[in-house]
Amino acid sequence: KMSNQSTVTEFLLLGFSDTRELQILHFMVFLGIYLAAMAGNFLIIVVIAVSNHLHTPMYFFLMNLSILDLSTISVTLPKSMANFLLNTTVISYSGCAAQVFFFHVFGAADLALLTVMAYDRYIAICKPLYYKTIMKRTTCICMAASAWLSCIPYSALHTGNIFRLSFCKSNIIDQFFCEVPQLLKLSCSDSHFSEVGVLTFSFLLVIICFAFISMSYIQIFTVVLRTPVKEKQRKAFSTCIPHLIVVSMFVSTGSFAYLKPVSSSSSALDLTASLLYSVLPPVINPVIYTMRNNDIKAAM
């Protein structure tokens, strides 16, 4: 047991197994997932960068999303893989704070970018005549930049709020990365009020983005279903459905992980939930986006 905060200089992450063979197996599995995410997202970035006909707002945002996905998965998996290989579970206090900070920067930017993408689809389908004037190159760059930059103060607030708490119950995190609900479980200071404040604020942001995305899509589908030309309908659905799947998956798994009560011991449910929202989207997004997209397939 820890007596006071000054003694917590490091945390111990969930090791999955003490058996060396299983640790190597976990390393191989995580490495496979990581390489799949790297390959898929890197391919999208390269294809969009080198194909002139993909230099449109939609693909510019998709390229940003792929960069974000690569960044998100690089915050959590490499450290866990290194621990499996080195047969340790240690993560330093500052390393843990860095994980929390970057994970929230990229996660929040992901949601902001998905919201911007919904707006882009809305203008393209509901106001096609104004599309070129509204979604100018400079506008797109500003939108993407603000999606990235606005998340830095939010994440700094979130991270600062967590790490000013004192951790004295234990330093063992029941998770393969430094996850906020798990860290709050270890805190012995009266964290309730500030934590509820930040989580409420975060949840409000998610609700606002989700509402904005939903409203965009209600209008999009209204317009699309009125279109008599079946080919136009099919093209509109092929660009919108993947985006909707990605948004739903991201919001539902993330909300579940943060809103469900944290169990006192490590549970398979906690682990599955965190794998779903932290690891699955970066691996699956490239597949979802390229599967139904003829432009990208042709460019590849």
Foldseek 3Di string as FASTA:
>chain_A
DFDWQVPQFKFFEALVDQDLVVLVVVLVVLVVLLVLLCVLLVLLLVLCVPDPVNPDLLSVLVNLLSVLLNQLSVLFRVVLSVCSVVVGRIDGPVSQLVSQLSNQLSLQLNLLSLLVSLVLLLCCQVVVVCNCVCRPPVNSVVSSVCSRPVRNVLSVLVSVLLVVFGFGQHRYFHESGNDRLSSVLRGDPPSVPVNVVSVVVVVVSLVVSVVSSVVSVVSNVVRLVPDPDVVSSLVSCLQVVLSVVLSVQQSVLVCCLPVDRDDNHRDPVNHVSCCSNRRPSSSCSSVSNVVSDPVSVVSD
